[in-house]
Amino acid sequence: MRRVLALGVLLVATTAHAFGLGDVEATARQIAAEPYRDRQTVVPAWMLKDGAMTYDQWRDIRFRPEQSLWRDDGLPFQVQLFHPGLYFDRSVQVHVIENDTDKPLPFSTKYFHYGKNDFAAKIPADIGWAGVRIHTQLKSPEYFDELIVFLGASYFRAVGRDNVYGLSARGLAIDTVEPSGEEFPRFIEFWLVKPAADATSVTLYALLDSPTASGAYQFVVTPGVETTVDVDARLFLRRVPKVLGLAPLTSMFFFGENRTRFFDDFRPEVHDSDGLLVHFDGGEWLWRPIDNPTRIDVASMATTNPRGFGLLQRDRDFRSHQDLETRADLRPSAWITPKGDWGAGTVRLVQIPTTTELMDNVVAFWVPDVLPKPGEPLAFAYRLSWYGNDPTRPPGGRAVATRRDHGAIGTPRTAHRWVIDFEGAALTALGGDAEPRAVVTASNGATLIDQHVYKNPVTGGWRLTFQMEPKEKTQPVELRAYLERKGEVLTETWSSAWLP
C-alpha cells in the first residue's frame, strides 16, 4: 500500500502504482468539493516588500548550486528552489517522486547563501518554497542553464536554446479585466519526477487552487532549439466564472513602430512580444500586431477547434531594439498547439495601457463557449513551444512591420493611413511586375481609399498602403488585409483595429 499526503489530504491507494496525474487529480477533485480556503503557508510580514525586506536583500539570497537536486547523480536535469519573501507571500510545497515513492522536500536554510543578510535564523523552519526552476545543458555541455521556472501564482516561463527569458505562461486565467476583478489561481504544490540517466525530458506535476477552481497539471519539458512543454490538465470548478482562460500567455508591449511615442527613449522599440498569431481550423493564419492602447482593448476571434495560437516576438533585428541589457531581440515566442478538439470558443487578446515596461500588459488565452458544471471535470491538453524564428508559423508570407499615421498631404485629415510590409520566400521570388492584389476590408461602414501594393526593393517583399476614413468617429473599426495573386492567397491575414 502506498500513501500520498497532499496538503493535509490523505489519499490511500489500495494497490501500488506509479505516481501520476491521476493522483493529483484526485486531490484536486476532493478540495474542489469543499469550500475554498487558503492552503498555503503565509510568509511573515517582515519578509515581504511592504515589511522590512528590500529588493536588494531578497536578491542577496542565492541558492547554493552544490545543493541542486540530482546534481550528485549526474543526471541530465537539475533542480533549484526559490526562497520565499519580497513579492512572494505564499509558499509552495515540493515533493520528489523517486522509484514511485513520494518524498516531501522540506525547506531548509542550508540550501541558500544569505550574503550580507543576518536574518536566516529568524526564518520559520516550515516556511516552504517560493517556486522551482529546472536546469539542463541547454546551450553547451559544460554548463547547466535555466530551462524553465515556476514562480508566483500559476506563472511559468521557459526558453529555447538561443533565447533569453521574456514572456510568461500561466496555468489558468479567471475573469481577466472583468469589472469584478481578476482572480489569480496559484500552483500550491509540486511533484518532481526524478529522471533516468538518459532522459531527454523531465516531468513534474502541480496542484492548482483558487476560490473558483482547483486543478491538476502534468508538465513534460523537453529542451532544445525549440523547447516544448506538453501540458495535460484537469480542472474542477467551484463556480462558473464570467471568463475562463485556458493556456494563457502573458507579455509586455510598451512601444513599437506602430505606436507614436510621447516620451524620450533611445530604443526604437520596447516589447517582449509584438503580435498574436492564430491558426484557424479552416487553415487561415491571422496576425494581429500588439499595441499599447489608450484604454483596455479586448479582441476576440471566434473559431472551432483552433490549430494553434501564440504571442510572438517577430522582429528580431537588434537594430530595432538596441538594448544590450535585456536583449529583446532574443526573447522567445510562445506557441500553443491544442491536443484533440477544443470545440467552439474564442482566442482572446487583452491589451492594457501601460506607462512602463515593467508591467505585463498583454494577455492571450482560449475561452471555451461551454463550461462544465461545478464539480464536473474539464480536461484539456496542449503543447507549448518556446522558440526563436520558425518559418512554418505561418508557412506563407507574413506581415513583418505595421506603421500608421494620418496620411499624406492632400488626403482627408479624418483619414488614417496604414503601411504594412509583407515578406516571405514566395513573395521575394515574385518580380516587380507580378502585381499581387491586396484584399482589404473595414467594419462599421468605414471607407477605404488610396490603396496601393508595390515591391519593396530593399527587402524583396511587398508593401501595402491604404487609408481608412471612419464613418462614425465614436465607433471602432476592425481592419483585415492579405495579399493574393490569381486566386492564390500569398500571405497570412493581417488584422488590426482603429479605436476612437
Protein backbone atom coordinates (compact mmCIF):
# COMPACT_ATOMS: atom_id res chain seq x y z
CA MET A 1 0.00 0.00 0.00
CA ARG A 2 1.27 3.48 -0.88
CA ARG A 3 0.20 6.73 0.72
CA VAL A 4 0.30 10.23 -0.72
CA LEU A 5 -0.03 13.14 1.68
CA ALA A 6 -1.02 16.34 -0.14
CA LEU A 7 -1.66 19.48 1.94
CA GLY A 8 -3.34 17.53 4.68
CA VAL A 9 -5.47 15.45 2.27
CA LEU A 10 -4.66 11.77 2.77
CA LEU A 11 -5.11 9.63 -0.32
CA VAL A 12 -4.74 5.89 0.15
CA ALA A 13 -4.13 3.61 -2.81
CA THR A 14 -5.26 0.02 -2.38
CA THR A 15 -2.60 -1.25 -4.75
CA ALA A 16 0.89 0.01 -5.54
CA HIS A 17 1.18 2.01 -8.75
CA ALA A 18 3.37 4.65 -10.38
CA PHE A 19 2.64 8.17 -9.24
CA GLY A 20 0.90 10.13 -11.98
CA LEU A 21 -1.59 12.79 -12.95
CA GLY A 22 -4.44 10.75 -11.54
CA ASP A 23 -3.07 11.13 -8.01
CA VAL A 24 -3.02 14.92 -8.26
CA GLU A 25 -6.40 14.88 -9.99
CA ALA A 26 -7.93 13.01 -7.06
CA THR A 27 -6.69 15.69 -4.69
CA ALA A 28 -7.94 18.49 -6.94
CA ARG A 29 -11.36 16.88 -7.18
CA GLN A 30 -11.57 16.46 -3.41
CA ILE A 31 -10.61 20.00 -2.45
CA ALA A 32 -12.84 21.48 -5.18
CA ALA A 33 -15.79 19.80 -3.47
CA GLU A 34 -15.00 21.74 -0.29
CA PRO A 35 -15.41 25.47 0.41
CA TYR A 36 -12.30 27.35 -0.62
CA ARG A 37 -9.64 28.04 2.00
CA ASP A 38 -6.11 29.28 1.62
CA ARG A 39 -3.99 26.13 1.96
CA GLN A 40 -0.62 27.82 1.58
CA THR A 41 1.75 28.93 4.31
CA VAL A 42 1.68 32.70 4.70
CA VAL A 43 5.11 34.30 4.66
CA PRO A 44 5.80 36.53 7.70
CA ALA A 45 5.20 40.22 7.05
CA TRP A 46 8.80 41.20 7.84
CA MET A 47 9.96 39.11 4.83
CA LEU A 48 7.73 40.95 2.34
CA LYS A 49 8.15 44.11 0.27
CA ASP A 50 5.74 46.04 2.46
CA GLY A 51 7.57 44.83 5.56
CA ALA A 52 11.28 45.05 6.31
CA MET A 53 12.74 43.12 3.35
CA THR A 54 14.13 45.11 0.44
CA TYR A 55 14.66 44.02 -3.14
CA ASP A 56 18.44 44.02 -2.65
CA GLN A 57 18.11 41.81 0.43
CA TRP A 58 15.99 39.26 -1.40
CA ARG A 59 18.37 39.25 -4.37
CA ASP A 60 21.24 38.60 -1.98
CA ILE A 61 19.66 35.26 -1.08
CA ARG A 62 21.09 32.77 -3.56
CA PHE A 63 20.57 29.05 -3.97
CA ARG A 64 23.73 27.02 -3.43
CA PRO A 65 24.43 25.23 -6.76
CA GLU A 66 26.04 22.32 -4.93
CA GLN A 67 22.66 21.67 -3.29
CA SER A 68 20.87 21.23 -6.63
CA LEU A 69 18.65 18.17 -6.72
CA TRP A 70 20.14 15.28 -8.73
CA ARG A 71 23.49 17.06 -9.16
CA ASP A 72 25.44 14.28 -7.46
CA ASP A 73 23.62 11.65 -9.52
CA GLY A 74 24.98 13.02 -12.78
CA LEU A 75 21.53 13.31 -14.32
CA PRO A 76 20.71 15.45 -17.39
CA PHE A 77 18.44 17.69 -15.31
CA GLN A 78 18.95 19.51 -12.00
CA VAL A 79 16.51 21.44 -9.80
CA GLN A 80 16.99 24.58 -7.73
CA LEU A 81 14.44 26.25 -5.45
CA PHE A 82 13.37 29.85 -4.85
CA HIS A 83 13.36 31.45 -1.43
CA PRO A 84 10.06 32.97 -0.24
CA GLY A 85 9.79 36.67 0.54
CA LEU A 86 9.57 40.10 -1.09
CA TYR A 87 6.73 39.72 -3.66
CA PHE A 88 6.09 36.04 -2.89
CA ASP A 89 3.84 35.99 0.16
CA ARG A 90 2.68 32.37 -0.13
CA SER A 91 4.89 29.30 -0.19
CA VAL A 92 4.54 26.08 -2.16
CA GLN A 93 5.22 22.53 -1.08
CA VAL A 94 7.62 20.44 -3.16
CA HIS A 95 7.91 16.65 -3.44
CA VAL A 96 10.32 14.37 -5.30
CA ILE A 97 8.97 11.21 -6.93
CA GLU A 98 11.68 8.55 -6.95
CA ASN A 99 11.02 4.86 -7.58
CA ASP A 100 7.28 5.63 -7.40
CA THR A 101 7.74 6.95 -3.87
CA ASP A 102 6.61 10.41 -2.82
CA LYS A 103 9.33 12.13 -0.79
CA PRO A 104 8.46 15.59 0.56
CA LEU A 105 11.28 18.12 0.21
CA PRO A 106 11.16 20.31 3.35
CA PHE A 107 12.53 23.83 3.32
CA SER A 108 15.92 24.44 4.90
CA THR A 109 18.22 27.46 5.04
CA LYS A 110 21.10 25.11 4.21
CA TYR A 111 20.12 25.38 0.54
CA PHE A 112 20.90 29.12 0.39
CA HIS A 113 23.65 31.70 0.68
CA TYR A 114 22.27 34.72 2.53
CA GLY A 115 25.05 37.13 1.59
CA LYS A 116 25.09 40.20 3.83
CA ASN A 117 21.69 39.33 5.33
CA ASP A 118 21.65 38.39 9.01
CA PHE A 119 18.08 37.08 9.33
CA ALA A 120 18.50 33.40 8.37
CA ALA A 121 17.95 32.29 11.96
CA LYS A 122 14.58 34.10 12.08
CA ILE A 123 13.09 32.26 9.10
CA PRO A 124 10.44 29.69 10.15
CA ALA A 125 11.67 26.14 9.62
CA ASP A 126 8.44 25.08 7.87
CA ILE A 127 8.01 28.13 5.65
CA GLY A 128 8.19 26.22 2.34
CA TRP A 129 9.49 27.35 -1.04
CA ALA A 130 8.55 30.21 -3.37
CA GLY A 131 8.96 28.16 -6.56
CA VAL A 132 11.13 25.80 -8.57
CA ARG A 133 13.45 26.04 -11.54
CA ILE A 134 14.86 23.27 -13.69
CA HIS A 135 18.32 23.38 -15.24
CA THR A 136 19.89 21.40 -18.07
CA GLN A 137 22.79 21.60 -20.52
CA LEU A 138 20.77 23.70 -22.91
CA LYS A 139 23.38 25.89 -24.58
CA SER A 140 26.55 23.85 -24.02
CA PRO A 141 27.62 20.56 -22.37
CA GLU A 142 29.77 22.49 -19.88
CA TYR A 143 27.03 24.33 -18.00
CA PHE A 144 23.54 23.70 -16.63
CA ASP A 145 21.40 26.63 -17.86
CA GLU A 146 17.99 27.58 -16.54
CA LEU A 147 15.39 25.85 -18.70
CA ILE A 148 12.04 26.55 -17.04
CA VAL A 149 10.88 28.44 -13.94
CA PHE A 150 7.66 28.14 -11.92
CA LEU A 151 7.39 31.19 -9.67
CA GLY A 152 4.42 33.23 -8.45
CA ALA A 153 0.70 32.32 -8.71
CA SER A 154 0.46 29.93 -11.69
CA TYR A 155 3.15 31.66 -13.77
CA PHE A 156 5.92 29.77 -15.55
CA ARG A 157 8.31 30.58 -18.36
CA ALA A 158 10.89 28.70 -20.40
CA VAL A 159 13.48 29.31 -23.11
CA GLY A 160 14.72 27.63 -26.25
CA ARG A 161 18.43 27.14 -26.76
CA ASP A 162 19.03 30.54 -28.36
CA ASN A 163 16.65 32.60 -26.20
CA VAL A 164 16.70 34.69 -23.04
CA TYR A 165 13.71 34.91 -20.71
CA GLY A 166 10.80 37.01 -21.93
CA LEU A 167 7.07 36.39 -21.85
CA SER A 168 5.37 34.03 -19.38
CA ALA A 169 2.68 31.37 -19.44
CA ARG A 170 0.08 30.67 -16.74
CA GLY A 171 -1.83 27.65 -15.65
CA LEU A 172 -5.20 29.41 -15.78
CA ALA A 173 -6.75 32.87 -16.22
CA ILE A 174 -10.02 33.78 -14.49
CA ASP A 175 -12.11 36.92 -15.13
CA THR A 176 -9.29 38.83 -16.79
CA VAL A 177 -10.15 42.60 -17.00
CA GLU A 178 -13.69 41.91 -15.78
CA PRO A 179 -15.19 44.72 -13.63
CA SER A 180 -15.41 42.31 -10.70
CA GLY A 181 -11.62 41.96 -10.73
CA GLU A 182 -9.27 39.25 -11.93
CA GLU A 183 -8.62 36.13 -9.89
CA PHE A 184 -5.13 34.64 -9.96
CA PRO A 185 -5.11 30.89 -9.32
CA ARG A 186 -1.97 29.51 -7.68
CA PHE A 187 0.11 26.40 -8.05
CA ILE A 188 0.30 25.36 -4.41
CA GLU A 189 2.17 22.07 -4.61
CA PHE A 190 4.67 20.43 -6.99
CA TRP A 191 5.86 16.89 -7.57
CA LEU A 192 9.20 16.49 -9.41
CA VAL A 193 9.79 13.13 -11.08
CA LYS A 194 13.42 12.06 -10.89
CA PRO A 195 14.55 11.41 -14.48
CA ALA A 196 16.55 8.49 -15.79
CA ALA A 197 20.22 8.91 -16.63
CA ASP A 198 19.44 9.01 -20.38
CA ALA A 199 16.25 11.11 -20.13
CA THR A 200 15.63 13.76 -22.79
CA SER A 201 12.60 15.18 -20.95
CA VAL A 202 11.69 15.92 -17.35
CA THR A 203 8.20 15.60 -15.82
CA LEU A 204 6.58 17.46 -12.96
CA TYR A 205 3.05 17.72 -11.60
CA ALA A 206 1.32 20.68 -10.00
CA LEU A 207 -1.80 21.20 -7.90
CA LEU A 208 -3.67 24.44 -8.62
CA ASP A 209 -6.23 26.10 -6.38
CA SER A 210 -8.27 29.30 -6.20
CA PRO A 211 -11.71 30.38 -4.98
CA THR A 212 -13.13 29.45 -8.41
CA ALA A 213 -11.28 26.29 -9.41
CA SER A 214 -8.90 23.51 -8.44
CA GLY A 215 -6.83 21.62 -10.95
CA ALA A 216 -4.19 19.00 -11.62
CA TYR A 217 -1.43 19.64 -14.16
CA GLN A 218 1.23 17.49 -15.75
CA PHE A 219 4.19 19.18 -17.45
CA VAL A 220 6.62 17.24 -19.65
CA VAL A 221 9.52 19.57 -20.52
CA THR A 222 11.80 18.78 -23.47
CA PRO A 223 14.72 21.18 -24.06
CA GLY A 224 16.07 22.13 -27.47
CA VAL A 225 16.34 24.89 -30.03
CA GLU A 226 12.57 24.82 -29.60
CA THR A 227 11.83 23.84 -26.02
CA THR A 228 8.45 22.18 -25.64
CA VAL A 229 6.20 21.80 -22.60
CA ASP A 230 3.45 19.22 -23.00
CA VAL A 231 0.62 20.19 -20.66
CA ASP A 232 -2.16 17.85 -19.55
CA ALA A 233 -4.72 19.43 -17.20
CA ARG A 234 -7.86 18.51 -15.26
CA LEU A 235 -9.97 21.33 -13.80
CA PHE A 236 -12.83 21.28 -11.30
CA LEU A 237 -14.90 24.44 -10.86
CA ARG A 238 -16.41 25.63 -7.58
CA ARG A 239 -18.35 28.27 -9.50
CA VAL A 240 -18.77 29.21 -13.15
CA PRO A 241 -16.71 32.36 -13.83
CA LYS A 242 -17.55 35.02 -16.37
CA VAL A 243 -14.30 34.31 -18.23
CA LEU A 244 -12.27 31.12 -18.02
CA GLY A 245 -9.00 31.46 -19.93
CA LEU A 246 -7.18 28.25 -20.87
CA ALA A 247 -3.50 28.12 -21.88
CA PRO A 248 -2.92 31.81 -21.07
CA LEU A 249 0.18 33.70 -22.21
CA THR A 250 1.26 36.98 -20.64
CA SER A 251 3.65 39.50 -22.17
CA MET A 252 4.73 43.15 -22.35
CA PHE A 253 4.39 45.71 -25.13
CA PHE A 254 5.49 49.26 -24.32
CA PHE A 255 6.02 50.75 -27.77
CA GLY A 256 6.99 49.81 -31.31
CA GLU A 257 6.91 51.05 -34.87
CA ASN A 258 3.10 51.10 -34.81
CA ARG A 259 2.83 53.37 -31.76
CA THR A 260 3.53 57.12 -31.72
CA ARG A 261 5.79 57.95 -28.77
CA PHE A 262 5.33 60.89 -26.44
CA PHE A 263 8.41 60.30 -24.27
CA ASP A 264 12.18 60.07 -24.61
CA ASP A 265 13.85 56.67 -25.06
CA PHE A 266 16.94 55.83 -27.09
CA ARG A 267 15.48 52.45 -28.06
CA PRO A 268 13.34 52.28 -31.24
CA GLU A 269 11.08 49.56 -29.78
CA VAL A 270 10.46 48.02 -26.33
CA HIS A 271 8.44 44.81 -26.12
CA ASP A 272 8.66 41.11 -25.25
CA SER A 273 6.14 40.22 -27.98
CA ASP A 274 4.90 42.21 -30.97
CA GLY A 275 1.92 40.21 -32.21
CA LEU A 276 -0.67 37.49 -31.78
CA LEU A 277 -0.71 34.72 -34.39
CA VAL A 278 -3.74 32.43 -34.72
CA HIS A 279 -4.10 29.32 -36.92
CA PHE A 280 -7.77 28.56 -37.53
CA ASP A 281 -9.25 25.14 -38.19
CA GLY A 282 -10.12 26.19 -41.74
CA GLY A 283 -6.44 26.80 -42.48
CA GLU A 284 -6.32 30.60 -42.25
CA TRP A 285 -3.42 32.22 -40.41
CA LEU A 286 -4.15 35.59 -38.77
CA TRP A 287 -1.58 38.07 -37.45
CA ARG A 288 -2.66 40.86 -35.11
CA PRO A 289 0.08 43.33 -34.14
CA ILE A 290 0.12 44.18 -30.44
CA ASP A 291 -0.31 47.78 -29.34
CA ASN A 292 -0.18 49.84 -26.16
CA PRO A 293 -3.68 51.32 -26.34
CA THR A 294 -5.02 54.38 -24.56
CA ARG A 295 -7.69 52.21 -22.91
CA ILE A 296 -8.21 48.50 -22.33
CA ASP A 297 -8.80 46.72 -25.63
CA VAL A 298 -10.22 43.18 -25.85
CA ALA A 299 -10.29 41.40 -29.21
CA SER A 300 -12.00 38.02 -29.57
CA MET A 301 -11.52 35.72 -32.56
CA ALA A 302 -14.23 33.05 -32.67
CA THR A 303 -13.42 29.61 -34.06
CA THR A 304 -13.93 25.91 -33.53
CA ASN A 305 -11.05 23.55 -32.77
CA PRO A 306 -8.17 26.02 -33.23
CA ARG A 307 -4.97 24.57 -34.64
CA GLY A 308 -2.80 26.95 -32.64
CA PHE A 309 -2.19 30.43 -31.31
CA GLY A 310 0.64 32.31 -29.66
CA LEU A 311 2.34 35.55 -28.75
CA LEU A 312 5.36 36.06 -30.98
CA GLN A 313 8.45 38.22 -30.95
CA ARG A 314 8.64 38.55 -34.72
CA ASP A 315 11.04 41.48 -35.04
CA ARG A 316 14.44 40.00 -34.14
CA ASP A 317 16.67 42.63 -35.71
CA PHE A 318 18.88 44.06 -32.96
CA ARG A 319 18.74 47.44 -34.70
CA SER A 320 15.02 47.58 -33.86
CA HIS A 321 15.70 47.21 -30.14
CA GLN A 322 19.24 48.49 -29.37
CA ASP A 323 19.11 47.05 -25.85
CA LEU A 324 22.30 45.28 -24.82
CA GLU A 325 20.96 44.57 -21.32
CA THR A 326 17.59 42.94 -21.94
CA ARG A 327 18.33 41.61 -25.47
CA ALA A 328 14.71 41.89 -26.53
CA ASP A 329 15.79 40.54 -29.94
CA LEU A 330 16.41 37.17 -28.23
CA ARG A 331 13.13 36.96 -26.30
CA PRO A 332 11.20 33.77 -27.14
CA SER A 333 7.93 33.37 -28.93
CA ALA A 334 5.39 31.03 -27.31
CA TRP A 335 3.06 28.86 -29.39
CA ILE A 336 0.10 26.80 -28.17
CA THR A 337 -0.78 23.65 -30.14
CA PRO A 338 -4.02 22.12 -28.81
CA LYS A 339 -4.19 18.35 -28.47
CA GLY A 340 -7.53 16.94 -29.53
CA ASP A 341 -10.60 19.04 -30.29
CA TRP A 342 -11.20 22.05 -28.06
CA GLY A 343 -14.64 22.71 -29.51
CA ALA A 344 -16.14 26.15 -30.04
CA GLY A 345 -14.75 29.24 -28.38
CA THR A 346 -12.61 32.32 -28.91
CA VAL A 347 -8.96 33.23 -28.89
CA ARG A 348 -8.97 36.37 -26.77
CA LEU A 349 -6.32 39.11 -26.84
CA VAL A 350 -6.31 41.63 -23.99
CA GLN A 351 -4.18 44.79 -24.26
CA ILE A 352 -3.88 47.07 -21.24
CA PRO A 353 -2.45 50.62 -21.30
CA THR A 354 0.90 50.99 -19.59
CA THR A 355 3.35 53.82 -18.93
CA THR A 356 6.22 51.50 -18.05
CA GLU A 357 7.96 48.46 -19.50
CA LEU A 358 7.95 46.86 -16.02
CA MET A 359 4.31 45.79 -16.36
CA ASP A 360 2.99 42.81 -18.30
CA ASN A 361 0.08 44.38 -20.18
CA VAL A 362 -0.77 41.77 -22.82
CA VAL A 363 -2.67 38.51 -22.27
CA ALA A 364 -3.84 35.89 -24.78
CA PHE A 365 -5.85 32.76 -23.98
CA TRP A 366 -8.57 30.38 -25.15
CA VAL A 367 -12.13 30.89 -23.87
CA PRO A 368 -14.39 27.85 -24.37
CA ASP A 369 -18.03 28.55 -25.19
CA VAL A 370 -19.29 25.78 -22.91
CA LEU A 371 -18.06 25.21 -19.36
CA PRO A 372 -18.75 22.24 -17.12
CA LYS A 373 -20.96 22.49 -14.09
CA PRO A 374 -19.21 22.89 -10.72
CA GLY A 375 -17.62 19.59 -9.72
CA GLU A 376 -17.56 18.16 -13.24
CA PRO A 377 -14.07 17.73 -14.77
CA LEU A 378 -12.76 19.86 -17.61
CA ALA A 379 -9.86 18.09 -19.32
CA PHE A 380 -7.62 19.74 -21.91
CA ALA A 381 -4.10 19.26 -23.22
CA TYR A 382 -1.70 21.19 -25.40
CA ARG A 383 1.93 21.60 -26.39
CA LEU A 384 3.56 24.91 -25.52
CA SER A 385 6.62 25.70 -27.67
CA TRP A 386 9.27 28.30 -26.79
CA TYR A 387 11.44 29.30 -29.74
CA GLY A 388 13.04 32.00 -31.87
CA ASN A 389 12.19 32.03 -35.57
CA ASP A 390 10.03 29.37 -37.21
CA PRO A 391 9.36 29.62 -40.96
CA THR A 392 6.41 27.22 -40.67
CA ARG A 393 4.37 29.57 -38.47
CA PRO A 394 2.97 30.63 -40.88
CA PRO A 395 4.33 28.75 -43.93
CA GLY A 396 3.49 31.59 -46.33
CA GLY A 397 4.11 35.33 -46.39
CA ARG A 398 3.92 37.23 -43.13
CA ALA A 399 3.46 40.82 -42.00
CA VAL A 400 6.80 41.94 -40.58
CA ALA A 401 6.06 45.61 -39.92
CA THR A 402 2.98 47.74 -39.29
CA ARG A 403 3.16 51.54 -39.31
CA ARG A 404 0.46 54.20 -39.28
CA ASP A 405 -0.06 57.95 -39.49
CA HIS A 406 -2.68 60.47 -40.64
CA GLY A 407 -1.85 60.06 -44.31
CA ALA A 408 -0.24 62.13 -46.98
CA ILE A 409 -0.79 65.82 -47.60
CA GLY A 410 -3.94 66.38 -49.60
CA THR A 411 -5.88 63.46 -48.12
CA PRO A 412 -8.73 63.93 -45.62
CA ARG A 413 -7.45 64.75 -42.14
CA THR A 414 -10.08 62.42 -40.74
CA ALA A 415 -8.39 59.52 -42.55
CA HIS A 416 -5.73 57.22 -41.11
CA ARG A 417 -3.01 55.51 -43.12
CA TRP A 418 -1.54 52.05 -42.61
CA VAL A 419 1.74 50.84 -44.12
CA ILE A 420 2.24 47.07 -43.91
CA ASP A 421 5.33 45.19 -45.08
CA PHE A 422 4.88 41.54 -46.09
CA GLU A 423 7.85 39.22 -46.52
CA GLY A 424 8.49 35.56 -47.28
CA ALA A 425 10.36 33.36 -49.73
CA ALA A 426 7.49 33.13 -52.20
CA LEU A 427 6.95 36.90 -52.09
CA THR A 428 10.64 37.56 -52.69
CA ALA A 429 10.53 35.29 -55.74
CA LEU A 430 7.81 37.44 -57.34
CA GLY A 431 9.15 40.02 -59.75
CA GLY A 432 8.10 43.63 -59.59
CA ASP A 433 5.62 43.08 -62.44
CA ALA A 434 3.83 40.21 -60.67
CA GLU A 435 1.17 42.60 -59.36
CA PRO A 436 -0.23 40.78 -56.32
CA ARG A 437 -3.58 42.16 -55.20
CA ALA A 438 -4.48 43.29 -51.69
CA VAL A 439 -7.81 42.25 -50.21
CA VAL A 440 -8.65 44.86 -47.55
CA THR A 441 -11.86 45.08 -45.53
CA ALA A 442 -13.09 47.52 -42.88
CA SER A 443 -16.05 47.28 -40.50
CA ASN A 444 -18.75 49.72 -39.37
CA GLY A 445 -19.15 51.39 -42.76
CA ALA A 446 -15.62 52.81 -42.87
CA THR A 447 -14.32 53.96 -46.26
CA LEU A 448 -11.06 52.61 -47.76
CA ILE A 449 -9.14 54.98 -50.01
CA ASP A 450 -5.74 55.34 -51.71
CA GLN A 451 -4.82 51.63 -51.67
CA HIS A 452 -1.52 50.51 -53.25
CA VAL A 453 0.69 47.38 -53.38
CA TYR A 454 4.26 47.63 -54.62
CA LYS A 455 7.54 45.77 -54.48
CA ASN A 456 9.93 46.75 -51.69
CA PRO A 457 13.31 46.82 -53.46
CA VAL A 458 15.20 46.90 -50.15
CA THR A 459 13.72 43.79 -48.53
CA GLY A 460 12.44 41.93 -51.58
CA GLY A 461 8.99 41.80 -50.00
CA TRP A 462 5.83 43.74 -50.83
CA ARG A 463 4.39 46.84 -49.19
CA LEU A 464 0.68 47.52 -48.80
CA THR A 465 -0.54 51.03 -48.05
CA PHE A 466 -4.12 52.14 -47.59
CA GLN A 467 -6.13 54.80 -45.84
CA MET A 468 -9.29 54.37 -43.84
CA GLU A 469 -11.87 57.03 -43.04
CA PRO A 470 -14.29 56.01 -40.27
CA LYS A 471 -17.98 56.62 -40.82
CA GLU A 472 -18.58 57.34 -37.15
CA LYS A 473 -15.81 58.88 -35.03
CA THR A 474 -17.15 57.12 -31.93
CA GLN A 475 -17.21 53.59 -33.43
CA PRO A 476 -14.14 51.33 -33.60
CA VAL A 477 -13.17 49.89 -36.99
CA GLU A 478 -11.82 46.37 -37.47
CA LEU A 479 -9.41 46.03 -40.39
CA ARG A 480 -8.22 42.93 -42.25
CA ALA A 481 -5.84 42.60 -45.20
CA TYR A 482 -3.92 39.97 -47.13
CA LEU A 483 -2.19 39.59 -50.48
CA GLU A 484 -3.34 37.23 -53.22
CA ARG A 485 -2.44 36.57 -56.84
CA LYS A 486 -4.64 34.84 -59.40
CA GLY A 487 -6.86 33.44 -56.67
CA GLU A 488 -3.97 32.10 -54.57
CA VAL A 489 -3.58 33.51 -51.06
CA LEU A 490 0.07 34.55 -50.62
CA THR A 491 0.12 35.75 -47.01
CA GLU A 492 -1.40 35.43 -43.60
CA THR A 493 -4.28 37.77 -42.80
CA TRP A 494 -3.17 40.97 -41.15
CA SER A 495 -5.71 42.21 -38.58
CA SER A 496 -5.88 45.38 -36.54
CA ALA A 497 -8.33 47.87 -35.10
CA TRP A 498 -8.76 51.61 -35.16
CA LEU A 499 -10.04 52.81 -31.80
CA PRO A 500 -11.71 56.21 -31.45
